[in-house]
Amino acid sequence: MNITIPAVLNTISALYGFEPVSVEALTEGNSNESYSVKAQDGNYIVRLASKGTERASLEASMIQLERHFSAGSGVVAPLRSVSGSIVESVQDFKGADRLLTVLVRATGRSHNLLRPGEIPDEGYAAIGASLARFHENSLAFEYRESDARYWHQGENCYVTPKAEAFPDTLIARRYRERMDRCLAIAASPGKIGGVHGDIHFSNVIYDQEKGKVTFCDFDNVCVGPFALDLALLVFDLSVILQCPDKASETRRLADLMLDAYRTELRSVVVDSADISCFMDLLEASIYIDCLDYWKDKPGSEDWLQLFFEGRRERLVQDTRVCKMPVM
């Protein structure tokens, strides 16, 4: 357990009205300190925001998440404190002020790797349908710049500041070419809105017993084309799926998600060409952003090892990651 959390356990109890029974540090995901907290009345995720996080920005993000939950989007539910605040301030063990948020923990599991059958076909369809509902609800919400920036204005998995000084000039050129294509995607009504921004399978919780999908980790929410979320979901699948005929099975499962997404659509419009553009940009961005980190972990079997296998050759040849079906 991180030494921060014992210093705030009593404070959490007073602020939120539940008594922690057990606490487990969560090490994956983002720069926040996150903990799984079991209490007598339920299970929660307690998050201490990274230092420097602006309260107004965090509050705006949590309020949008709360609105999504109230509108029926499949998202984790924020828990307000006893006083009604969606963000609280606490002191860590050093006496430093930290921003605190609490979420109700969703049932089910997420996936860092996938093998055929781990998520049934109906689960992939449910993921696609849930993402469509999230995007539909996003259109009903007004995302101001104070709530979320446009997708290319911040650092995320599609945007890397390392590109300017990246020594492999051919790959840097691929990144710039692909960024230009994504920036040229028309911001027409029905194609642009609030997007998750980091919707890979580690942030998708699927409860097979209930057939329920819950999206989590909304730190990268931004305004952009809805194709951006679909691209990351399909791209992640193309990396983490473990099976002999990987390309064919990736395409089949991607079709299940995209067909369900299309069926659930009412006013959202997403073009296959837009999804492909963002998948291509994502590939170049991750390569540039993570190459040095991956080189420091030789022989690892994690996501980056799977990603980097043969990746430079594909970038040099400028081939599509996965040919998208016509929608």
C-alpha atoms as a PDB file:
ATOM      1  CA  MET A   1       0.000   0.000   0.000  1.00  0.00           C
ATOM      2  CA  ASN A   2       1.295   3.467  -0.798  1.00  0.00           C
ATOM      3  CA  ILE A   3       2.078   5.362   2.403  1.00  0.00           C
ATOM      4  CA  THR A   4      -0.199   8.195   1.324  1.00  0.00           C
ATOM      5  CA  ILE A   5      -3.464   6.361   1.853  1.00  0.00           C
ATOM      6  CA  PRO A   6      -3.217   5.550   5.605  1.00  0.00           C
ATOM      7  CA  ALA A   7      -2.872   9.279   6.204  1.00  0.00           C
ATOM      8  CA  VAL A   8      -6.233   9.991   4.588  1.00  0.00           C
ATOM      9  CA  LEU A   9      -8.317   6.915   5.519  1.00  0.00           C
ATOM     10  CA  ASN A  10      -9.973   8.610   8.460  1.00  0.00           C
ATOM     11  CA  THR A  11     -10.581  11.694   6.361  1.00  0.00           C
ATOM     12  CA  ILE A  12     -12.210   9.592   3.623  1.00  0.00           C
ATOM     13  CA  SER A  13     -14.497   7.998   6.186  1.00  0.00           C
ATOM     14  CA  ALA A  14     -15.583  11.394   7.492  1.00  0.00           C
ATOM     15  CA  LEU A  15     -15.982  12.933   4.031  1.00  0.00           C
ATOM     16  CA  TYR A  16     -17.890  10.111   2.340  1.00  0.00           C
ATOM     17  CA  GLY A  17     -19.625   8.328   5.175  1.00  0.00           C
ATOM     18  CA  PHE A  18     -18.273   4.827   4.585  1.00  0.00           C
ATOM     19  CA  GLU A  19     -15.781   2.924   6.710  1.00  0.00           C
ATOM     20  CA  PRO A  20     -12.957   1.287   4.687  1.00  0.00           C
ATOM     21  CA  VAL A  21     -12.559  -2.427   5.463  1.00  0.00           C
ATOM     22  CA  SER A  22      -9.613  -3.089   3.139  1.00  0.00           C
ATOM     23  CA  VAL A  23      -7.496  -1.055   0.732  1.00  0.00           C
ATOM     24  CA  GLU A  24      -5.486  -2.202  -2.286  1.00  0.00           C
ATOM     25  CA  ALA A  25      -3.220   0.007  -4.378  1.00  0.00           C
ATOM     26  CA  LEU A  26      -3.896  -0.038  -8.126  1.00  0.00           C
ATOM     27  CA  THR A  27      -0.672   0.272 -10.079  1.00  0.00           C
ATOM     28  CA  GLU A  28      -1.891   0.339 -13.690  1.00  0.00           C
ATOM     29  CA  GLY A  29      -3.305   3.114 -15.785  1.00  0.00           C
ATOM     30  CA  ASN A  30      -2.505   6.719 -15.035  1.00  0.00           C
ATOM     31  CA  SER A  31      -0.426   9.166 -13.022  1.00  0.00           C
ATOM     32  CA  ASN A  32      -2.979   9.437 -10.202  1.00  0.00           C
ATOM     33  CA  GLU A  33      -2.712   7.389  -7.032  1.00  0.00           C
ATOM     34  CA  SER A  34      -5.629   4.974  -7.244  1.00  0.00           C
ATOM     35  CA  TYR A  35      -6.898   2.513  -4.668  1.00  0.00           C
ATOM     36  CA  SER A  36      -9.559  -0.152  -4.541  1.00  0.00           C
ATOM     37  CA  VAL A  37     -11.422   0.321  -1.269  1.00  0.00           C
ATOM     38  CA  LYS A  38     -13.827  -2.248   0.139  1.00  0.00           C
ATOM     39  CA  ALA A  39     -16.397  -0.997   2.606  1.00  0.00           C
ATOM     40  CA  GLN A  40     -19.353  -2.632   4.305  1.00  0.00           C
ATOM     41  CA  ASP A  41     -21.787  -0.893   1.965  1.00  0.00           C
ATOM     42  CA  GLY A  42     -19.916  -1.421  -1.317  1.00  0.00           C
ATOM     43  CA  ASN A  43     -16.685  -1.190  -3.291  1.00  0.00           C
ATOM     44  CA  TYR A  44     -15.072   2.057  -4.402  1.00  0.00           C
ATOM     45  CA  ILE A  45     -12.141   3.488  -6.323  1.00  0.00           C
ATOM     46  CA  VAL A  46     -10.411   6.275  -4.425  1.00  0.00           C
ATOM     47  CA  ARG A  47      -8.139   8.514  -6.476  1.00  0.00           C
ATOM     48  CA  LEU A  48      -5.658  11.136  -5.360  1.00  0.00           C
ATOM     49  CA  ALA A  49      -4.970  13.408  -8.320  1.00  0.00           C
ATOM     50  CA  SER A  50      -1.389  14.017  -9.393  1.00  0.00           C
ATOM     51  CA  LYS A  51       0.218  17.157  -8.051  1.00  0.00           C
ATOM     52  CA  GLY A  52      -0.508  20.216 -10.149  1.00  0.00           C
ATOM     53  CA  THR A  53      -4.005  19.090 -11.152  1.00  0.00           C
ATOM     54  CA  GLU A  54      -6.335  22.077 -11.362  1.00  0.00           C
ATOM     55  CA  ARG A  55      -9.429  21.751  -9.206  1.00  0.00           C
ATOM     56  CA  ALA A  56     -11.716  23.509 -11.707  1.00  0.00           C
ATOM     57  CA  SER A  57     -10.639  21.185 -14.511  1.00  0.00           C
ATOM     58  CA  LEU A  58     -11.083  18.064 -12.385  1.00  0.00           C
ATOM     59  CA  GLU A  59     -14.494  19.211 -11.182  1.00  0.00           C
ATOM     60  CA  ALA A  60     -15.632  19.895 -14.746  1.00  0.00           C
ATOM     61  CA  SER A  61     -14.491  16.427 -15.827  1.00  0.00           C
ATOM     62  CA  MET A  62     -16.245  14.729 -12.899  1.00  0.00           C
ATOM     63  CA  ILE A  63     -19.461  16.673 -13.483  1.00  0.00           C
ATOM     64  CA  GLN A  64     -19.512  15.572 -17.127  1.00  0.00           C
ATOM     65  CA  LEU A  65     -18.933  11.992 -15.995  1.00  0.00           C
ATOM     66  CA  GLU A  66     -21.828  12.328 -13.555  1.00  0.00           C
ATOM     67  CA  ARG A  67     -24.045  13.683 -16.344  1.00  0.00           C
ATOM     68  CA  HIS A  68     -23.123  10.747 -18.537  1.00  0.00           C
ATOM     69  CA  PHE A  69     -23.996   8.284 -15.784  1.00  0.00           C
ATOM     70  CA  SER A  70     -27.343  10.003 -15.181  1.00  0.00           C
ATOM     71  CA  ALA A  71     -28.084   9.906 -18.927  1.00  0.00           C
ATOM     72  CA  GLY A  72     -27.513   6.137 -19.074  1.00  0.00           C
ATOM     73  CA  SER A  73     -23.997   6.008 -20.479  1.00  0.00           C
ATOM     74  CA  GLY A  74     -22.070   2.936 -19.381  1.00  0.00           C
ATOM     75  CA  VAL A  75     -19.559   4.789 -17.207  1.00  0.00           C
ATOM     76  CA  VAL A  76     -18.318   4.516 -13.652  1.00  0.00           C
ATOM     77  CA  ALA A  77     -20.452   6.476 -11.203  1.00  0.00           C
ATOM     78  CA  PRO A  78     -18.831   9.377  -9.304  1.00  0.00           C
ATOM     79  CA  LEU A  79     -19.637   9.496  -5.613  1.00  0.00           C
ATOM     80  CA  ARG A  80     -20.242  12.887  -4.047  1.00  0.00           C
ATOM     81  CA  SER A  81     -19.086  13.512  -0.513  1.00  0.00           C
ATOM     82  CA  VAL A  82     -21.419  13.992   2.428  1.00  0.00           C
ATOM     83  CA  SER A  83     -21.259  17.744   1.807  1.00  0.00           C
ATOM     84  CA  GLY A  84     -22.235  17.245  -1.850  1.00  0.00           C
ATOM     85  CA  SER A  85     -18.802  18.019  -3.348  1.00  0.00           C
ATOM     86  CA  ILE A  86     -17.679  15.992  -6.360  1.00  0.00           C
ATOM     87  CA  VAL A  87     -14.020  16.800  -5.630  1.00  0.00           C
ATOM     88  CA  GLU A  88     -12.582  17.053  -2.120  1.00  0.00           C
ATOM     89  CA  SER A  89      -9.234  18.287  -0.823  1.00  0.00           C
ATOM     90  CA  VAL A  90      -7.212  16.222   1.659  1.00  0.00           C
ATOM     91  CA  GLN A  91      -3.689  16.258   3.044  1.00  0.00           C
ATOM     92  CA  ASP A  92      -1.255  13.442   2.329  1.00  0.00           C
ATOM     93  CA  PHE A  93       1.303  12.092   4.783  1.00  0.00           C
ATOM     94  CA  LYS A  94       3.632  15.016   4.033  1.00  0.00           C
ATOM     95  CA  GLY A  95       0.914  17.538   4.739  1.00  0.00           C
ATOM     96  CA  ALA A  96       0.551  18.470   1.074  1.00  0.00           C
ATOM     97  CA  ASP A  97      -2.912  19.249  -0.265  1.00  0.00           C
ATOM     98  CA  ARG A  98      -4.242  16.661  -2.746  1.00  0.00           C
ATOM     99  CA  LEU A  99      -7.467  16.536  -4.716  1.00  0.00           C
ATOM    100  CA  LEU A 100      -9.571  13.464  -4.010  1.00  0.00           C
ATOM    101  CA  THR A 101     -12.336  11.810  -6.022  1.00  0.00           C
ATOM    102  CA  VAL A 102     -14.286   8.624  -5.326  1.00  0.00           C
ATOM    103  CA  LEU A 103     -16.001   6.344  -7.856  1.00  0.00           C
ATOM    104  CA  VAL A 104     -18.293   3.384  -7.328  1.00  0.00           C
ATOM    105  CA  ARG A 105     -16.358   0.327  -8.503  1.00  0.00           C
ATOM    106  CA  ALA A 106     -17.988  -1.466 -11.446  1.00  0.00           C
ATOM    107  CA  THR A 107     -18.489  -5.216 -11.496  1.00  0.00           C
ATOM    108  CA  GLY A 108     -16.690  -7.310 -14.096  1.00  0.00           C
ATOM    109  CA  ARG A 109     -13.132  -7.265 -15.389  1.00  0.00           C
ATOM    110  CA  SER A 110     -10.911  -5.460 -17.843  1.00  0.00           C
ATOM    111  CA  HIS A 111      -8.248  -7.020 -20.088  1.00  0.00           C
ATOM    112  CA  ASN A 112      -4.587  -6.322 -20.794  1.00  0.00           C
ATOM    113  CA  LEU A 113      -4.393  -9.332 -23.119  1.00  0.00           C
ATOM    114  CA  LEU A 114      -7.163 -11.178 -24.921  1.00  0.00           C
ATOM    115  CA  ARG A 115      -7.599 -14.699 -26.209  1.00  0.00           C
ATOM    116  CA  PRO A 116     -10.523 -15.953 -28.285  1.00  0.00           C
ATOM    117  CA  GLY A 117     -13.539 -16.584 -26.067  1.00  0.00           C
ATOM    118  CA  GLU A 118     -12.387 -14.537 -23.060  1.00  0.00           C
ATOM    119  CA  ILE A 119     -14.998 -12.006 -24.104  1.00  0.00           C
ATOM    120  CA  PRO A 120     -17.902 -13.690 -25.921  1.00  0.00           C
ATOM    121  CA  ASP A 121     -19.120 -12.331 -29.250  1.00  0.00           C
ATOM    122  CA  GLU A 122     -22.088 -10.700 -27.556  1.00  0.00           C
ATOM    123  CA  GLY A 123     -19.643  -8.903 -25.273  1.00  0.00           C
ATOM    124  CA  TYR A 124     -17.906  -7.225 -28.203  1.00  0.00           C
ATOM    125  CA  ALA A 125     -21.292  -6.205 -29.562  1.00  0.00           C
ATOM    126  CA  ALA A 126     -22.210  -4.785 -26.146  1.00  0.00           C
ATOM    127  CA  ILE A 127     -18.987  -2.741 -26.109  1.00  0.00           C
ATOM    128  CA  GLY A 128     -19.791  -1.240 -29.501  1.00  0.00           C
ATOM    129  CA  ALA A 129     -23.369  -0.435 -28.516  1.00  0.00           C
ATOM    130  CA  SER A 130     -22.262   1.116 -25.208  1.00  0.00           C
ATOM    131  CA  LEU A 131     -19.750   3.345 -26.958  1.00  0.00           C
ATOM    132  CA  ALA A 132     -22.448   4.514 -29.391  1.00  0.00           C
ATOM    133  CA  ARG A 133     -24.702   5.487 -26.465  1.00  0.00           C
ATOM    134  CA  PHE A 134     -21.818   7.348 -24.836  1.00  0.00           C
ATOM    135  CA  HIS A 135     -21.248   9.307 -28.042  1.00  0.00           C
ATOM    136  CA  GLU A 136     -24.953   9.986 -28.515  1.00  0.00           C
ATOM    137  CA  ASN A 137     -25.162  11.387 -25.003  1.00  0.00           C
ATOM    138  CA  SER A 138     -22.041  13.465 -25.632  1.00  0.00           C
ATOM    139  CA  LEU A 139     -23.850  15.309 -28.384  1.00  0.00           C
ATOM    140  CA  ALA A 140     -26.458  16.440 -25.858  1.00  0.00           C
ATOM    141  CA  PHE A 141     -23.803  17.961 -23.566  1.00  0.00           C
ATOM    142  CA  GLU A 142     -22.068  21.247 -24.250  1.00  0.00           C
ATOM    143  CA  TYR A 143     -18.331  20.690 -23.910  1.00  0.00           C
ATOM    144  CA  ARG A 144     -16.659  24.028 -23.316  1.00  0.00           C
ATOM    145  CA  GLU A 145     -12.890  24.485 -23.457  1.00  0.00           C
ATOM    146  CA  SER A 146     -12.891  24.643 -19.657  1.00  0.00           C
ATOM    147  CA  ASP A 147     -14.458  21.163 -19.622  1.00  0.00           C
ATOM    148  CA  ALA A 148     -12.289  19.517 -22.269  1.00  0.00           C
ATOM    149  CA  ARG A 149      -9.799  20.706 -24.851  1.00  0.00           C
ATOM    150  CA  TYR A 150      -9.872  19.717 -28.487  1.00  0.00           C
ATOM    151  CA  TRP A 151      -8.075  16.416 -29.021  1.00  0.00           C
ATOM    152  CA  HIS A 152      -4.872  17.780 -30.605  1.00  0.00           C
ATOM    153  CA  GLN A 153      -4.361  20.592 -28.066  1.00  0.00           C
ATOM    154  CA  GLY A 154      -3.008  18.425 -25.256  1.00  0.00           C
ATOM    155  CA  GLU A 155      -0.669  15.499 -24.770  1.00  0.00           C
ATOM    156  CA  ASN A 156      -2.370  12.114 -25.162  1.00  0.00           C
ATOM    157  CA  CYS A 157      -1.817   8.831 -26.957  1.00  0.00           C
ATOM    158  CA  TYR A 158      -2.428  10.555 -30.306  1.00  0.00           C
ATOM    159  CA  VAL A 159      -0.206  13.564 -29.620  1.00  0.00           C
ATOM    160  CA  THR A 160       3.434  13.341 -28.553  1.00  0.00           C
ATOM    161  CA  PRO A 161       5.818  16.267 -27.995  1.00  0.00           C
ATOM    162  CA  LYS A 162       8.732  13.917 -28.734  1.00  0.00           C
ATOM    163  CA  ALA A 163       7.959  13.962 -32.457  1.00  0.00           C
ATOM    164  CA  GLU A 164       9.765  17.251 -33.122  1.00  0.00           C
ATOM    165  CA  ALA A 165      13.160  15.948 -32.006  1.00  0.00           C
ATOM    166  CA  PHE A 166      12.691  12.263 -32.847  1.00  0.00           C
ATOM    167  CA  PRO A 167      15.949  11.026 -34.444  1.00  0.00           C
ATOM    168  CA  ASP A 168      14.288   8.569 -36.837  1.00  0.00           C
ATOM    169  CA  THR A 169      13.282  11.174 -39.413  1.00  0.00           C
ATOM    170  CA  LEU A 170      11.261   8.772 -41.564  1.00  0.00           C
ATOM    171  CA  ILE A 171       9.016   7.809 -38.639  1.00  0.00           C
ATOM    172  CA  ALA A 172       8.734  11.448 -37.592  1.00  0.00           C
ATOM    173  CA  ARG A 173       7.599  12.255 -41.129  1.00  0.00           C
ATOM    174  CA  ARG A 174       4.987   9.502 -40.992  1.00  0.00           C
ATOM    175  CA  TYR A 175       3.679  11.022 -37.770  1.00  0.00           C
ATOM    176  CA  ARG A 176       3.384  14.489 -39.305  1.00  0.00           C
ATOM    177  CA  GLU A 177       1.699  13.152 -42.441  1.00  0.00           C
ATOM    178  CA  ARG A 178      -0.825  11.202 -40.408  1.00  0.00           C
ATOM    179  CA  MET A 179      -1.460  14.082 -38.028  1.00  0.00           C
ATOM    180  CA  ASP A 180      -2.212  16.332 -41.008  1.00  0.00           C
ATOM    181  CA  ARG A 181      -4.746  13.811 -42.324  1.00  0.00           C
ATOM    182  CA  CYS A 182      -6.488  13.597 -38.946  1.00  0.00           C
ATOM    183  CA  LEU A 183      -6.577  17.371 -38.535  1.00  0.00           C
ATOM    184  CA  ALA A 184      -8.243  17.602 -41.937  1.00  0.00           C
ATOM    185  CA  ILE A 185     -11.203  15.465 -40.835  1.00  0.00           C
ATOM    186  CA  ALA A 186     -14.254  17.684 -41.192  1.00  0.00           C
ATOM    187  CA  ALA A 187     -15.748  18.901 -37.926  1.00  0.00           C
ATOM    188  CA  SER A 188     -19.274  18.389 -39.213  1.00  0.00           C
ATOM    189  CA  PRO A 189     -22.331  18.016 -36.951  1.00  0.00           C
ATOM    190  CA  GLY A 190     -22.801  14.478 -35.679  1.00  0.00           C
ATOM    191  CA  LYS A 191     -19.120  13.560 -36.035  1.00  0.00           C
ATOM    192  CA  ILE A 192     -17.595  15.667 -33.246  1.00  0.00           C
ATOM    193  CA  GLY A 193     -18.267  15.752 -29.520  1.00  0.00           C
ATOM    194  CA  GLY A 194     -16.932  14.734 -26.140  1.00  0.00           C
ATOM    195  CA  VAL A 195     -14.825  11.580 -26.511  1.00  0.00           C
ATOM    196  CA  HIS A 196     -13.241   9.312 -23.919  1.00  0.00           C
ATOM    197  CA  GLY A 197      -9.774   9.699 -25.437  1.00  0.00           C
ATOM    198  CA  ASP A 198      -8.210   6.556 -23.935  1.00  0.00           C
ATOM    199  CA  ILE A 199     -10.689   3.776 -24.528  1.00  0.00           C
ATOM    200  CA  HIS A 200      -8.586   0.611 -24.708  1.00  0.00           C
ATOM    201  CA  PHE A 201      -9.565  -2.750 -23.211  1.00  0.00           C
ATOM    202  CA  SER A 202      -7.913  -1.989 -19.851  1.00  0.00           C
ATOM    203  CA  ASN A 203     -10.467   0.810 -19.516  1.00  0.00           C
ATOM    204  CA  VAL A 204     -13.423  -1.329 -20.593  1.00  0.00           C
ATOM    205  CA  ILE A 205     -14.952  -3.378 -17.785  1.00  0.00           C
ATOM    206  CA  TYR A 206     -17.172  -6.207 -18.986  1.00  0.00           C
ATOM    207  CA  ASP A 207     -19.444  -8.141 -16.647  1.00  0.00           C
ATOM    208  CA  GLN A 208     -20.240 -11.324 -18.563  1.00  0.00           C
ATOM    209  CA  GLU A 209     -22.875 -12.496 -16.086  1.00  0.00           C
ATOM    210  CA  LYS A 210     -24.842  -9.272 -16.420  1.00  0.00           C
ATOM    211  CA  GLY A 211     -23.849  -8.518 -20.016  1.00  0.00           C
ATOM    212  CA  LYS A 212     -22.884  -5.055 -18.767  1.00  0.00           C
ATOM    213  CA  VAL A 213     -20.173  -2.741 -20.117  1.00  0.00           C
ATOM    214  CA  THR A 214     -18.625   0.052 -18.034  1.00  0.00           C
ATOM    215  CA  PHE A 215     -16.010   2.524 -19.263  1.00  0.00           C
ATOM    216  CA  CYS A 216     -13.507   3.901 -16.745  1.00  0.00           C
ATOM    217  CA  ASP A 217     -10.493   6.246 -16.510  1.00  0.00           C
ATOM    218  CA  PHE A 218     -11.714   9.532 -17.974  1.00  0.00           C
ATOM    219  CA  ASP A 219      -8.477  11.485 -17.498  1.00  0.00           C
ATOM    220  CA  ASN A 220      -8.076  12.063 -21.254  1.00  0.00           C
ATOM    221  CA  VAL A 221     -11.594  13.263 -22.088  1.00  0.00           C
ATOM    222  CA  CYS A 222     -11.425  15.742 -24.943  1.00  0.00           C
ATOM    223  CA  VAL A 223     -13.469  17.124 -27.811  1.00  0.00           C
ATOM    224  CA  GLY A 224     -12.870  15.426 -31.133  1.00  0.00           C
ATOM    225  CA  PRO A 225     -14.206  13.148 -33.856  1.00  0.00           C
ATOM    226  CA  PHE A 226     -16.008  10.101 -32.483  1.00  0.00           C
ATOM    227  CA  ALA A 227     -13.804   8.032 -34.793  1.00  0.00           C
ATOM    228  CA  LEU A 228     -10.968   8.690 -32.343  1.00  0.00           C
ATOM    229  CA  ASP A 229     -12.493   6.392 -29.686  1.00  0.00           C
ATOM    230  CA  LEU A 230     -13.340   3.657 -32.169  1.00  0.00           C
ATOM    231  CA  ALA A 231      -9.829   3.770 -33.600  1.00  0.00           C
ATOM    232  CA  LEU A 232      -8.180   3.192 -30.228  1.00  0.00           C
ATOM    233  CA  LEU A 233     -10.550   0.355 -29.362  1.00  0.00           C
ATOM    234  CA  VAL A 234      -9.858  -1.499 -32.629  1.00  0.00           C
ATOM    235  CA  PHE A 235      -6.143  -0.696 -32.532  1.00  0.00           C
ATOM    236  CA  ASP A 236      -5.769  -2.086 -29.007  1.00  0.00           C
ATOM    237  CA  LEU A 237      -7.584  -5.228 -30.095  1.00  0.00           C
ATOM    238  CA  SER A 238      -5.107  -5.642 -32.974  1.00  0.00           C
ATOM    239  CA  VAL A 239      -2.248  -5.599 -30.436  1.00  0.00           C
ATOM    240  CA  ILE A 240      -3.511  -7.610 -27.462  1.00  0.00           C
ATOM    241  CA  LEU A 241      -5.454 -10.378 -29.220  1.00  0.00           C
ATOM    242  CA  GLN A 242      -3.534 -13.645 -28.934  1.00  0.00           C
ATOM    243  CA  CYS A 243      -4.474 -16.297 -31.491  1.00  0.00           C
ATOM    244  CA  PRO A 244      -2.994 -18.058 -34.567  1.00  0.00           C
ATOM    245  CA  ASP A 245      -4.951 -16.146 -37.226  1.00  0.00           C
ATOM    246  CA  LYS A 246      -4.685 -12.788 -35.500  1.00  0.00           C
ATOM    247  CA  ALA A 247      -5.490 -10.531 -38.468  1.00  0.00           C
ATOM    248  CA  SER A 248      -8.644 -12.392 -39.425  1.00  0.00           C
ATOM    249  CA  GLU A 249      -9.942 -12.691 -35.863  1.00  0.00           C
ATOM    250  CA  THR A 250      -9.183  -9.035 -35.147  1.00  0.00           C
ATOM    251  CA  ARG A 251     -11.224  -8.025 -38.177  1.00  0.00           C
ATOM    252  CA  ARG A 252     -14.118 -10.305 -37.181  1.00  0.00           C
ATOM    253  CA  LEU A 253     -14.303  -8.981 -33.629  1.00  0.00           C
ATOM    254  CA  ALA A 254     -13.866  -5.390 -34.798  1.00  0.00           C
ATOM    255  CA  ASP A 255     -16.803  -5.916 -37.161  1.00  0.00           C
ATOM    256  CA  LEU A 256     -18.929  -7.096 -34.209  1.00  0.00           C
ATOM    257  CA  MET A 257     -18.175  -3.906 -32.293  1.00  0.00           C
ATOM    258  CA  LEU A 258     -18.611  -1.604 -35.278  1.00  0.00           C
ATOM    259  CA  ASP A 259     -21.829  -3.247 -36.479  1.00  0.00           C
ATOM    260  CA  ALA A 260     -23.338  -2.866 -32.999  1.00  0.00           C
ATOM    261  CA  TYR A 261     -22.095   0.717 -32.831  1.00  0.00           C
ATOM    262  CA  ARG A 262     -23.740   1.481 -36.180  1.00  0.00           C
ATOM    263  CA  THR A 263     -27.002  -0.215 -35.145  1.00  0.00           C
ATOM    264  CA  GLU A 264     -27.181   1.847 -31.957  1.00  0.00           C
ATOM    265  CA  LEU A 265     -26.475   5.116 -33.756  1.00  0.00           C
ATOM    266  CA  ARG A 266     -29.140   7.768 -34.064  1.00  0.00           C
ATOM    267  CA  SER A 267     -27.424  11.065 -34.755  1.00  0.00           C
ATOM    268  CA  VAL A 268     -23.731  10.186 -34.607  1.00  0.00           C
ATOM    269  CA  VAL A 269     -21.947   9.826 -37.928  1.00  0.00           C
ATOM    270  CA  VAL A 270     -18.609   7.998 -38.138  1.00  0.00           C
ATOM    271  CA  ASP A 271     -16.765   7.283 -41.388  1.00  0.00           C
ATOM    272  CA  SER A 272     -14.548   4.229 -41.817  1.00  0.00           C
ATOM    273  CA  ALA A 273     -11.870   6.400 -43.419  1.00  0.00           C
ATOM    274  CA  ASP A 274     -11.775   8.571 -40.282  1.00  0.00           C
ATOM    275  CA  ILE A 275     -11.262   5.524 -38.058  1.00  0.00           C
ATOM    276  CA  SER A 276      -8.405   4.348 -40.280  1.00  0.00           C
ATOM    277  CA  CYS A 277      -6.766   7.804 -40.146  1.00  0.00           C
ATOM    278  CA  PHE A 278      -6.747   7.818 -36.359  1.00  0.00           C
ATOM    279  CA  MET A 279      -5.467   4.241 -36.163  1.00  0.00           C
ATOM    280  CA  ASP A 280      -2.547   5.198 -38.394  1.00  0.00           C
ATOM    281  CA  LEU A 281      -1.764   8.292 -36.316  1.00  0.00           C
ATOM    282  CA  LEU A 282      -2.006   6.291 -33.095  1.00  0.00           C
ATOM    283  CA  GLU A 283       0.539   3.785 -34.388  1.00  0.00           C
ATOM    284  CA  ALA A 284       3.110   6.493 -35.202  1.00  0.00           C
ATOM    285  CA  SER A 285       2.485   8.419 -31.992  1.00  0.00           C
ATOM    286  CA  ILE A 286       2.905   5.414 -29.693  1.00  0.00           C
ATOM    287  CA  TYR A 287       6.035   4.341 -31.546  1.00  0.00           C
ATOM    288  CA  ILE A 288       7.675   7.734 -31.011  1.00  0.00           C
ATOM    289  CA  ASP A 289       6.436   8.215 -27.463  1.00  0.00           C
ATOM    290  CA  CYS A 290       7.298   4.764 -26.105  1.00  0.00           C
ATOM    291  CA  LEU A 291      10.378   3.589 -28.039  1.00  0.00           C
ATOM    292  CA  ASP A 292      12.937   4.548 -25.389  1.00  0.00           C
ATOM    293  CA  TYR A 293      10.802   3.108 -22.595  1.00  0.00           C
ATOM    294  CA  TRP A 294      10.433  -0.179 -24.474  1.00  0.00           C
ATOM    295  CA  LYS A 295      14.181  -0.419 -25.114  1.00  0.00           C
ATOM    296  CA  ASP A 296      14.719  -0.297 -21.363  1.00  0.00           C
ATOM    297  CA  LYS A 297      12.568  -3.417 -20.937  1.00  0.00           C
ATOM    298  CA  PRO A 298      14.098  -6.034 -23.285  1.00  0.00           C
ATOM    299  CA  GLY A 299      12.308  -9.366 -23.475  1.00  0.00           C
ATOM    300  CA  SER A 300       9.185  -8.162 -21.699  1.00  0.00           C
ATOM    301  CA  GLU A 301       5.835  -9.706 -22.624  1.00  0.00           C
ATOM    302  CA  ASP A 302       3.669  -6.698 -21.951  1.00  0.00           C
ATOM    303  CA  TRP A 303       1.611  -4.503 -24.282  1.00  0.00           C
ATOM    304  CA  LEU A 304       4.616  -2.609 -25.613  1.00  0.00           C
ATOM    305  CA  GLN A 305       6.456  -5.782 -26.569  1.00  0.00           C
ATOM    306  CA  LEU A 306       3.445  -6.886 -28.586  1.00  0.00           C
ATOM    307  CA  PHE A 307       3.133  -3.439 -30.120  1.00  0.00           C
ATOM    308  CA  PHE A 308       6.755  -3.116 -31.219  1.00  0.00           C
ATOM    309  CA  GLU A 309       7.015  -6.531 -32.921  1.00  0.00           C
ATOM    310  CA  GLY A 310       7.623  -5.619 -36.586  1.00  0.00           C
ATOM    311  CA  ARG A 311       6.153  -2.157 -36.033  1.00  0.00           C
ATOM    312  CA  ARG A 312       8.903  -0.088 -37.654  1.00  0.00           C
ATOM    313  CA  GLU A 313       8.687  -2.123 -40.845  1.00  0.00           C
ATOM    314  CA  ARG A 314       4.965  -1.442 -41.069  1.00  0.00           C
ATOM    315  CA  LEU A 315       5.529   2.254 -40.481  1.00  0.00           C
ATOM    316  CA  VAL A 316       8.248   2.402 -43.127  1.00  0.00           C
ATOM    317  CA  GLN A 317       5.938   0.703 -45.624  1.00  0.00           C
ATOM    318  CA  ASP A 318       3.094   3.009 -44.528  1.00  0.00           C
ATOM    319  CA  THR A 319       0.612   0.134 -44.439  1.00  0.00           C
ATOM    320  CA  ARG A 320      -2.774   0.193 -42.762  1.00  0.00           C
ATOM    321  CA  VAL A 321      -2.980  -1.356 -39.318  1.00  0.00           C
ATOM    322  CA  CYS A 322      -6.382  -2.884 -40.049  1.00  0.00           C
ATOM    323  CA  LYS A 323      -8.585  -2.268 -43.072  1.00  0.00           C
ATOM    324  CA  MET A 324     -11.867  -0.924 -41.795  1.00  0.00           C
ATOM    325  CA  PRO A 325     -15.266  -2.095 -43.047  1.00  0.00           C
ATOM    326  CA  VAL A 326     -17.481   0.386 -44.815  1.00  0.00           C
ATOM    327  CA  MET A 327     -20.025   1.876 -42.389  1.00  0.00           C
END
